[in-house]
Amino acid sequence: MPFTTQLRDVRVNLANRRTERIARRRLSAELAAFQTPAERAELDFILGRHTQEETREIREILNQQDYERQRAGSGIGGYRG
Protein backbone atom coordinates (compact mmCIF):
# COMPACT_ATOMS: atom_id res chain seq x y z
CA MET A 1 0.00 0.00 0.00
CA PRO A 2 1.49 3.37 -0.96
CA PHE A 3 2.49 5.73 1.82
CA THR A 4 0.02 8.40 0.66
CA THR A 5 -2.82 5.91 0.93
CA GLN A 6 -1.72 4.91 4.43
CA LEU A 7 -1.44 8.54 5.43
CA ARG A 8 -4.92 9.27 4.10
CA ASP A 9 -6.33 6.27 5.98
CA VAL A 10 -4.74 7.47 9.23
CA ARG A 11 -6.16 10.96 8.74
CA VAL A 12 -9.63 9.60 8.02
CA ASN A 13 -9.42 7.33 11.07
CA LEU A 14 -8.37 10.23 13.30
CA ALA A 15 -11.14 12.45 11.93
CA ASN A 16 -13.71 9.70 12.56
CA ARG A 17 -12.51 9.19 16.12
CA ARG A 18 -12.65 12.94 16.77
CA THR A 19 -16.21 13.06 15.44
CA GLU A 20 -17.21 10.13 17.66
CA ARG A 21 -15.69 11.79 20.75
CA ILE A 22 -17.55 15.03 20.04
CA ALA A 23 -20.82 13.16 19.57
CA ARG A 24 -20.32 11.23 22.83
CA ARG A 25 -19.55 14.45 24.74
CA ARG A 26 -22.73 16.03 23.37
CA LEU A 27 -24.80 12.98 24.30
CA SER A 28 -23.23 12.96 27.75
CA ALA A 29 -24.09 16.63 28.25
CA GLU A 30 -27.69 16.03 27.18
CA LEU A 31 -28.04 13.04 29.49
CA ALA A 32 -26.58 15.00 32.41
CA ALA A 33 -29.76 17.09 32.38
CA PHE A 34 -31.72 14.06 33.67
CA GLN A 35 -30.83 14.40 37.35
CA THR A 36 -33.94 14.08 39.49
CA PRO A 37 -35.29 10.64 40.36
CA ALA A 38 -38.44 11.38 38.33
CA GLU A 39 -36.43 12.41 35.28
CA ARG A 40 -34.21 9.35 35.52
CA ALA A 41 -37.24 7.07 35.98
CA GLU A 42 -38.78 8.53 32.83
CA LEU A 43 -35.53 8.03 30.94
CA ASP A 44 -35.21 4.45 32.21
CA PHE A 45 -38.79 3.79 31.08
CA ILE A 46 -37.97 5.08 27.59
CA LEU A 47 -34.74 3.06 27.45
CA GLY A 48 -36.67 -0.04 28.52
CA ARG A 49 -38.51 0.03 25.19
CA HIS A 50 -35.27 -0.75 23.36
CA THR A 51 -32.76 -3.58 23.38
CA GLN A 52 -29.65 -3.57 25.54
CA GLU A 53 -27.49 -3.23 22.44
CA GLU A 54 -29.46 -0.21 21.22
CA THR A 55 -29.07 1.57 24.55
CA ARG A 56 -25.59 0.34 25.54
CA GLU A 57 -23.79 3.65 25.03
CA ILE A 58 -26.50 5.65 26.81
CA ARG A 59 -26.51 3.28 29.77
CA GLU A 60 -22.70 3.40 29.98
CA ILE A 61 -22.80 7.19 30.09
CA LEU A 62 -25.58 7.23 32.70
CA ASN A 63 -23.73 4.72 34.88
CA GLN A 64 -20.55 6.80 34.67
CA GLN A 65 -22.44 9.96 35.57
CA ASP A 66 -24.09 8.23 38.54
CA TYR A 67 -20.70 7.00 39.71
CA GLU A 68 -19.19 10.48 39.41
CA ARG A 69 -22.10 12.02 41.33
CA GLN A 70 -21.73 9.45 44.11
CA ARG A 71 -17.98 10.06 44.31
CA ALA A 72 -18.65 13.78 44.55
CA GLY A 73 -20.88 13.09 47.55
CA SER A 74 -24.27 13.56 46.01
CA GLY A 75 -26.85 11.11 44.76
CA ILE A 76 -29.12 11.37 41.77
CA GLY A 77 -30.77 14.75 41.84
CA GLY A 78 -27.99 16.33 43.85
CA TYR A 79 -29.35 15.13 47.21
CA ARG A 80 -26.76 15.26 49.95
CA GLY A 81 -28.09 13.24 52.84
PDB file of N, CA and C in Angstrom:
ATOM      1  N   MET A   1       0.863  -1.176   0.000  1.00  0.00           N
ATOM      2  CA  MET A   1       0.000   0.000   0.000  1.00  0.00           C
ATOM      3  C   MET A   1       0.907   1.236   0.000  1.00  0.00           C
ATOM      4  N   PRO A   2       0.661   2.154  -0.904  1.00  0.00           N
ATOM      5  CA  PRO A   2       1.494   3.366  -0.964  1.00  0.00           C
ATOM      6  C   PRO A   2       1.371   4.198   0.310  1.00  0.00           C
ATOM      7  N   PHE A   3       2.455   4.907   0.610  1.00  0.00           N
ATOM      8  CA  PHE A   3       2.490   5.729   1.819  1.00  0.00           C
ATOM      9  C   PHE A   3       1.369   6.763   1.829  1.00  0.00           C
ATOM     10  N   THR A   4       1.068   7.369   0.693  1.00  0.00           N
ATOM     11  CA  THR A   4       0.021   8.400   0.655  1.00  0.00           C
ATOM     12  C   THR A   4      -1.337   7.808   1.002  1.00  0.00           C
ATOM     13  N   THR A   5      -1.562   6.574   0.594  1.00  0.00           N
ATOM     14  CA  THR A   5      -2.821   5.909   0.928  1.00  0.00           C
ATOM     15  C   THR A   5      -2.877   5.622   2.426  1.00  0.00           C
ATOM     16  N   GLN A   6      -1.780   5.173   2.986  1.00  0.00           N
ATOM     17  CA  GLN A   6      -1.716   4.911   4.425  1.00  0.00           C
ATOM     18  C   GLN A   6      -1.931   6.198   5.210  1.00  0.00           C
ATOM     19  N   LEU A   7      -1.303   7.252   4.764  1.00  0.00           N
ATOM     20  CA  LEU A   7      -1.443   8.535   5.432  1.00  0.00           C
ATOM     21  C   LEU A   7      -2.892   9.026   5.380  1.00  0.00           C
ATOM     22  N   ARG A   8      -3.521   8.883   4.238  1.00  0.00           N
ATOM     23  CA  ARG A   8      -4.921   9.272   4.101  1.00  0.00           C
ATOM     24  C   ARG A   8      -5.805   8.445   5.036  1.00  0.00           C
ATOM     25  N   ASP A   9      -5.543   7.149   5.104  1.00  0.00           N
ATOM     26  CA  ASP A   9      -6.327   6.272   5.979  1.00  0.00           C
ATOM     27  C   ASP A   9      -6.180   6.677   7.445  1.00  0.00           C
ATOM     28  N   VAL A  10      -4.972   7.031   7.850  1.00  0.00           N
ATOM     29  CA  VAL A  10      -4.743   7.469   9.226  1.00  0.00           C
ATOM     30  C   VAL A  10      -5.501   8.759   9.497  1.00  0.00           C
ATOM     31  N   ARG A  11      -5.445   9.687   8.575  1.00  0.00           N
ATOM     32  CA  ARG A  11      -6.163  10.956   8.744  1.00  0.00           C
ATOM     33  C   ARG A  11      -7.665  10.739   8.832  1.00  0.00           C
ATOM     34  N   VAL A  12      -8.189   9.886   7.989  1.00  0.00           N
ATOM     35  CA  VAL A  12      -9.627   9.597   8.021  1.00  0.00           C
ATOM     36  C   VAL A  12      -9.996   8.948   9.346  1.00  0.00           C
ATOM     37  N   ASN A  13      -9.174   8.004   9.799  1.00  0.00           N
ATOM     38  CA  ASN A  13      -9.421   7.331  11.068  1.00  0.00           C
ATOM     39  C   ASN A  13      -9.423   8.328  12.223  1.00  0.00           C
ATOM     40  N   LEU A  14      -8.434   9.216  12.249  1.00  0.00           N
ATOM     41  CA  LEU A  14      -8.370  10.225  13.303  1.00  0.00           C
ATOM     42  C   LEU A  14      -9.574  11.166  13.261  1.00  0.00           C
ATOM     43  N   ALA A  15      -9.980  11.568  12.072  1.00  0.00           N
ATOM     44  CA  ALA A  15     -11.145  12.446  11.932  1.00  0.00           C
ATOM     45  C   ALA A  15     -12.409  11.745  12.423  1.00  0.00           C
ATOM     46  N   ASN A  16     -12.547  10.459  12.103  1.00  0.00           N
ATOM     47  CA  ASN A  16     -13.714   9.701  12.559  1.00  0.00           C
ATOM     48  C   ASN A  16     -13.730   9.571  14.072  1.00  0.00           C
ATOM     49  N   ARG A  17     -12.579   9.306  14.669  1.00  0.00           N
ATOM     50  CA  ARG A  17     -12.507   9.188  16.124  1.00  0.00           C
ATOM     51  C   ARG A  17     -12.839  10.517  16.799  1.00  0.00           C
ATOM     52  N   ARG A  18     -12.363  11.603  16.230  1.00  0.00           N
ATOM     53  CA  ARG A  18     -12.653  12.935  16.775  1.00  0.00           C
ATOM     54  C   ARG A  18     -14.156  13.205  16.707  1.00  0.00           C
ATOM     55  N   THR A  19     -14.767  12.868  15.592  1.00  0.00           N
ATOM     56  CA  THR A  19     -16.211  13.061  15.439  1.00  0.00           C
ATOM     57  C   THR A  19     -16.983  12.233  16.461  1.00  0.00           C
ATOM     58  N   GLU A  20     -16.549  10.992  16.680  1.00  0.00           N
ATOM     59  CA  GLU A  20     -17.209  10.127  17.659  1.00  0.00           C
ATOM     60  C   GLU A  20     -17.065  10.687  19.078  1.00  0.00           C
ATOM     61  N   ARG A  21     -15.892  11.204  19.419  1.00  0.00           N
ATOM     62  CA  ARG A  21     -15.689  11.786  20.755  1.00  0.00           C
ATOM     63  C   ARG A  21     -16.585  13.005  20.960  1.00  0.00           C
ATOM     64  N   ILE A  22     -16.691  13.841  19.944  1.00  0.00           N
ATOM     65  CA  ILE A  22     -17.545  15.030  20.036  1.00  0.00           C
ATOM     66  C   ILE A  22     -18.993  14.616  20.225  1.00  0.00           C
ATOM     67  N   ALA A  23     -19.441  13.628  19.454  1.00  0.00           N
ATOM     68  CA  ALA A  23     -20.825  13.156  19.567  1.00  0.00           C
ATOM     69  C   ALA A  23     -21.085  12.569  20.951  1.00  0.00           C
ATOM     70  N   ARG A  24     -20.135  11.817  21.490  1.00  0.00           N
ATOM     71  CA  ARG A  24     -20.317  11.229  22.826  1.00  0.00           C
ATOM     72  C   ARG A  24     -20.361  12.317  23.899  1.00  0.00           C
ATOM     73  N   ARG A  25     -19.521  13.343  23.771  1.00  0.00           N
ATOM     74  CA  ARG A  25     -19.554  14.445  24.744  1.00  0.00           C
ATOM     75  C   ARG A  25     -20.896  15.170  24.691  1.00  0.00           C
ATOM     76  N   ARG A  26     -21.422  15.374  23.496  1.00  0.00           N
ATOM     77  CA  ARG A  26     -22.729  16.029  23.372  1.00  0.00           C
ATOM     78  C   ARG A  26     -23.826  15.181  23.997  1.00  0.00           C
ATOM     79  N   LEU A  27     -23.808  13.884  23.709  1.00  0.00           N
ATOM     80  CA  LEU A  27     -24.799  12.982  24.296  1.00  0.00           C
ATOM     81  C   LEU A  27     -24.673  12.977  25.812  1.00  0.00           C
ATOM     82  N   SER A  28     -23.464  12.944  26.310  1.00  0.00           N
ATOM     83  CA  SER A  28     -23.234  12.960  27.752  1.00  0.00           C
ATOM     84  C   SER A  28     -23.792  14.232  28.380  1.00  0.00           C
ATOM     85  N   ALA A  29     -23.582  15.364  27.732  1.00  0.00           N
ATOM     86  CA  ALA A  29     -24.093  16.630  28.254  1.00  0.00           C
ATOM     87  C   ALA A  29     -25.619  16.639  28.263  1.00  0.00           C
ATOM     88  N   GLU A  30     -26.232  16.097  27.222  1.00  0.00           N
ATOM     89  CA  GLU A  30     -27.695  16.032  27.178  1.00  0.00           C
ATOM     90  C   GLU A  30     -28.232  15.117  28.268  1.00  0.00           C
ATOM     91  N   LEU A  31     -27.584  13.990  28.483  1.00  0.00           N
ATOM     92  CA  LEU A  31     -28.043  13.042  29.493  1.00  0.00           C
ATOM     93  C   LEU A  31     -27.824  13.571  30.908  1.00  0.00           C
ATOM     94  N   ALA A  32     -26.850  14.431  31.089  1.00  0.00           N
ATOM     95  CA  ALA A  32     -26.583  15.001  32.411  1.00  0.00           C
ATOM     96  C   ALA A  32     -27.749  15.847  32.903  1.00  0.00           C
ATOM     97  N   ALA A  33     -28.607  16.276  32.000  1.00  0.00           N
ATOM     98  CA  ALA A  33     -29.759  17.088  32.382  1.00  0.00           C
ATOM     99  C   ALA A  33     -30.805  16.256  33.132  1.00  0.00           C
ATOM    100  N   PHE A  34     -30.773  14.944  32.991  1.00  0.00           N
ATOM    101  CA  PHE A  34     -31.720  14.059  33.670  1.00  0.00           C
ATOM    102  C   PHE A  34     -31.151  13.732  35.048  1.00  0.00           C
ATOM    103  N   GLN A  35     -31.448  14.569  36.038  1.00  0.00           N
ATOM    104  CA  GLN A  35     -30.829  14.399  37.351  1.00  0.00           C
ATOM    105  C   GLN A  35     -31.797  13.966  38.443  1.00  0.00           C
ATOM    106  N   THR A  36     -33.024  14.423  38.406  1.00  0.00           N
ATOM    107  CA  THR A  36     -33.943  14.080  39.492  1.00  0.00           C
ATOM    108  C   THR A  36     -34.377  12.624  39.352  1.00  0.00           C
ATOM    109  N   PRO A  37     -34.801  12.016  40.449  1.00  0.00           N
ATOM    110  CA  PRO A  37     -35.288  10.637  40.361  1.00  0.00           C
ATOM    111  C   PRO A  37     -36.432  10.479  39.356  1.00  0.00           C
ATOM    112  N   ALA A  38     -37.321  11.463  39.277  1.00  0.00           N
ATOM    113  CA  ALA A  38     -38.443  11.376  38.332  1.00  0.00           C
ATOM    114  C   ALA A  38     -37.939  11.431  36.886  1.00  0.00           C
ATOM    115  N   GLU A  39     -36.981  12.309  36.636  1.00  0.00           N
ATOM    116  CA  GLU A  39     -36.431  12.412  35.276  1.00  0.00           C
ATOM    117  C   GLU A  39     -35.702  11.130  34.887  1.00  0.00           C
ATOM    118  N   ARG A  40     -34.928  10.585  35.820  1.00  0.00           N
ATOM    119  CA  ARG A  40     -34.211   9.347  35.521  1.00  0.00           C
ATOM    120  C   ARG A  40     -35.166   8.177  35.341  1.00  0.00           C
ATOM    121  N   ALA A  41     -36.247   8.140  36.133  1.00  0.00           N
ATOM    122  CA  ALA A  41     -37.237   7.071  35.984  1.00  0.00           C
ATOM    123  C   ALA A  41     -37.884   7.149  34.606  1.00  0.00           C
ATOM    124  N   GLU A  42     -38.194   8.352  34.163  1.00  0.00           N
ATOM    125  CA  GLU A  42     -38.781   8.534  32.829  1.00  0.00           C
ATOM    126  C   GLU A  42     -37.798   8.072  31.753  1.00  0.00           C
ATOM    127  N   LEU A  43     -36.548   8.437  31.904  1.00  0.00           N
ATOM    128  CA  LEU A  43     -35.528   8.031  30.943  1.00  0.00           C
ATOM    129  C   LEU A  43     -35.356   6.514  30.954  1.00  0.00           C
ATOM    130  N   ASP A  44     -35.325   5.912  32.120  1.00  0.00           N
ATOM    131  CA  ASP A  44     -35.213   4.454  32.212  1.00  0.00           C
ATOM    132  C   ASP A  44     -36.402   3.767  31.556  1.00  0.00           C
ATOM    133  N   PHE A  45     -37.598   4.342  31.709  1.00  0.00           N
ATOM    134  CA  PHE A  45     -38.790   3.794  31.077  1.00  0.00           C
ATOM    135  C   PHE A  45     -38.636   3.829  29.553  1.00  0.00           C
ATOM    136  N   ILE A  46     -38.169   4.938  29.039  1.00  0.00           N
ATOM    137  CA  ILE A  46     -37.969   5.076  27.594  1.00  0.00           C
ATOM    138  C   ILE A  46     -36.906   4.081  27.109  1.00  0.00           C
ATOM    139  N   LEU A  47     -35.805   3.973  27.843  1.00  0.00           N
ATOM    140  CA  LEU A  47     -34.743   3.056  27.452  1.00  0.00           C
ATOM    141  C   LEU A  47     -35.211   1.603  27.498  1.00  0.00           C
ATOM    142  N   GLY A  48     -36.147   1.313  28.395  1.00  0.00           N
ATOM    143  CA  GLY A  48     -36.670  -0.037  28.522  1.00  0.00           C
ATOM    144  C   GLY A  48     -37.432  -0.517  27.299  1.00  0.00           C
ATOM    145  N   ARG A  49     -37.801   0.384  26.429  1.00  0.00           N
ATOM    146  CA  ARG A  49     -38.507   0.028  25.190  1.00  0.00           C
ATOM    147  C   ARG A  49     -37.554  -0.485  24.109  1.00  0.00           C
ATOM    148  N   HIS A  50     -36.261  -0.391  24.368  1.00  0.00           N
ATOM    149  CA  HIS A  50     -35.267  -0.745  23.363  1.00  0.00           C
ATOM    150  C   HIS A  50     -34.365  -1.854  23.892  1.00  0.00           C
ATOM    151  N   THR A  51     -33.642  -2.484  22.989  1.00  0.00           N
ATOM    152  CA  THR A  51     -32.757  -3.578  23.384  1.00  0.00           C
ATOM    153  C   THR A  51     -31.533  -3.041  24.111  1.00  0.00           C
ATOM    154  N   GLN A  52     -30.872  -3.933  24.817  1.00  0.00           N
ATOM    155  CA  GLN A  52     -29.654  -3.573  25.541  1.00  0.00           C
ATOM    156  C   GLN A  52     -28.601  -3.044  24.577  1.00  0.00           C
ATOM    157  N   GLU A  53     -28.487  -3.670  23.425  1.00  0.00           N
ATOM    158  CA  GLU A  53     -27.491  -3.232  22.443  1.00  0.00           C
ATOM    159  C   GLU A  53     -27.802  -1.827  21.923  1.00  0.00           C
ATOM    160  N   GLU A  54     -29.074  -1.530  21.719  1.00  0.00           N
ATOM    161  CA  GLU A  54     -29.463  -0.206  21.225  1.00  0.00           C
ATOM    162  C   GLU A  54     -29.171   0.897  22.240  1.00  0.00           C
ATOM    163  N   THR A  55     -29.218   0.557  23.497  1.00  0.00           N
ATOM    164  CA  THR A  55     -29.065   1.570  24.552  1.00  0.00           C
ATOM    165  C   THR A  55     -27.742   1.458  25.301  1.00  0.00           C
ATOM    166  N   ARG A  56     -26.854   0.602  24.837  1.00  0.00           N
ATOM    167  CA  ARG A  56     -25.595   0.336  25.538  1.00  0.00           C
ATOM    168  C   ARG A  56     -24.815   1.615  25.835  1.00  0.00           C
ATOM    169  N   GLU A  57     -24.593   2.439  24.830  1.00  0.00           N
ATOM    170  CA  GLU A  57     -23.786   3.645  25.032  1.00  0.00           C
ATOM    171  C   GLU A  57     -24.459   4.604  26.015  1.00  0.00           C
ATOM    172  N   ILE A  58     -25.772   4.763  25.897  1.00  0.00           N
ATOM    173  CA  ILE A  58     -26.502   5.653  26.808  1.00  0.00           C
ATOM    174  C   ILE A  58     -26.398   5.142  28.238  1.00  0.00           C
ATOM    175  N   ARG A  59     -26.596   3.858  28.427  1.00  0.00           N
ATOM    176  CA  ARG A  59     -26.514   3.280  29.774  1.00  0.00           C
ATOM    177  C   ARG A  59     -25.100   3.398  30.353  1.00  0.00           C
ATOM    178  N   GLU A  60     -24.086   3.228  29.509  1.00  0.00           N
ATOM    179  CA  GLU A  60     -22.705   3.400  29.984  1.00  0.00           C
ATOM    180  C   GLU A  60     -22.478   4.827  30.473  1.00  0.00           C
ATOM    181  N   ILE A  61     -22.966   5.790  29.712  1.00  0.00           N
ATOM    182  CA  ILE A  61     -22.797   7.194  30.094  1.00  0.00           C
ATOM    183  C   ILE A  61     -23.550   7.475  31.393  1.00  0.00           C
ATOM    184  N   LEU A  62     -24.785   7.005  31.495  1.00  0.00           N
ATOM    185  CA  LEU A  62     -25.579   7.233  32.705  1.00  0.00           C
ATOM    186  C   LEU A  62     -24.922   6.595  33.927  1.00  0.00           C
ATOM    187  N   ASN A  63     -24.411   5.384  33.765  1.00  0.00           N
ATOM    188  CA  ASN A  63     -23.731   4.721  34.884  1.00  0.00           C
ATOM    189  C   ASN A  63     -22.494   5.501  35.304  1.00  0.00           C
ATOM    190  N   GLN A  64     -21.741   6.003  34.337  1.00  0.00           N
ATOM    191  CA  GLN A  64     -20.547   6.798  34.666  1.00  0.00           C
ATOM    192  C   GLN A  64     -20.939   8.082  35.383  1.00  0.00           C
ATOM    193  N   GLN A  65     -21.995   8.731  34.916  1.00  0.00           N
ATOM    194  CA  GLN A  65     -22.442   9.962  35.565  1.00  0.00           C
ATOM    195  C   GLN A  65     -22.925   9.692  36.983  1.00  0.00           C
ATOM    196  N   ASP A  66     -23.655   8.597  37.184  1.00  0.00           N
ATOM    197  CA  ASP A  66     -24.091   8.229  38.536  1.00  0.00           C
ATOM    198  C   ASP A  66     -22.889   7.996  39.449  1.00  0.00           C
ATOM    199  N   TYR A  67     -21.914   7.275  38.934  1.00  0.00           N
ATOM    200  CA  TYR A  67     -20.705   6.998  39.713  1.00  0.00           C
ATOM    201  C   TYR A  67     -19.998   8.299  40.091  1.00  0.00           C
ATOM    202  N   GLU A  68     -19.863   9.202  39.141  1.00  0.00           N
ATOM    203  CA  GLU A  68     -19.193  10.476  39.414  1.00  0.00           C
ATOM    204  C   GLU A  68     -19.973  11.312  40.424  1.00  0.00           C
ATOM    205  N   ARG A  69     -21.290  11.287  40.352  1.00  0.00           N
ATOM    206  CA  ARG A  69     -22.099  12.021  41.335  1.00  0.00           C
ATOM    207  C   ARG A  69     -21.921  11.426  42.726  1.00  0.00           C
ATOM    208  N   GLN A  70     -21.898  10.104  42.810  1.00  0.00           N
ATOM    209  CA  GLN A  70     -21.727   9.453  44.108  1.00  0.00           C
ATOM    210  C   GLN A  70     -20.345   9.737  44.681  1.00  0.00           C
ATOM    211  N   ARG A  71     -19.342   9.738  43.842  1.00  0.00           N
ATOM    212  CA  ARG A  71     -17.981  10.056  44.305  1.00  0.00           C
ATOM    213  C   ARG A  71     -17.886  11.487  44.783  1.00  0.00           C
ATOM    214  N   ALA A  72     -18.665  12.365  44.158  1.00  0.00           N
ATOM    215  CA  ALA A  72     -18.651  13.775  44.549  1.00  0.00           C
ATOM    216  C   ALA A  72     -19.474  14.012  45.813  1.00  0.00           C
ATOM    217  N   GLY A  73     -20.131  12.961  46.298  1.00  0.00           N
ATOM    218  CA  GLY A  73     -20.877  13.087  47.546  1.00  0.00           C
ATOM    219  C   GLY A  73     -22.336  13.406  47.388  1.00  0.00           C
ATOM    220  N   SER A  74     -22.849  13.295  46.184  1.00  0.00           N
ATOM    221  CA  SER A  74     -24.272  13.558  46.008  1.00  0.00           C
ATOM    222  C   SER A  74     -24.877  12.403  45.216  1.00  0.00           C
ATOM    223  N   GLY A  75     -26.131  12.133  45.481  1.00  0.00           N
ATOM    224  CA  GLY A  75     -26.850  11.109  44.762  1.00  0.00           C
ATOM    225  C   GLY A  75     -27.522  11.678  43.540  1.00  0.00           C
ATOM    226  N   ILE A  76     -28.349  10.889  42.915  1.00  0.00           N
ATOM    227  CA  ILE A  76     -29.118  11.371  41.769  1.00  0.00           C
ATOM    228  C   ILE A  76     -29.985  12.525  42.228  1.00  0.00           C
ATOM    229  N   GLY A  77     -29.982  13.590  41.484  1.00  0.00           N
ATOM    230  CA  GLY A  77     -30.772  14.749  41.845  1.00  0.00           C
ATOM    231  C   GLY A  77     -30.036  15.724  42.749  1.00  0.00           C
ATOM    232  N   GLY A  78     -28.794  15.416  43.039  1.00  0.00           N
ATOM    233  CA  GLY A  78     -27.991  16.325  43.849  1.00  0.00           C
ATOM    234  C   GLY A  78     -28.272  16.255  45.339  1.00  0.00           C
ATOM    235  N   TYR A  79     -29.018  15.257  45.775  1.00  0.00           N
ATOM    236  CA  TYR A  79     -29.353  15.126  47.206  1.00  0.00           C
ATOM    237  C   TYR A  79     -28.104  14.779  47.992  1.00  0.00           C
ATOM    238  N   ARG A  80     -27.862  15.534  49.025  1.00  0.00           N
ATOM    239  CA  ARG A  80     -26.756  15.259  49.948  1.00  0.00           C
ATOM    240  C   ARG A  80     -27.357  14.944  51.305  1.00  0.00           C
ATOM    241  N   GLY A  81     -27.421  13.675  51.628  1.00  0.00           N
ATOM    242  CA  GLY A  81     -28.087  13.244  52.844  1.00  0.00           C
ATOM    243  C   GLY A  81     -27.299  13.275  54.035  1.00  0.00           C
TER     244      GLY A  81
END
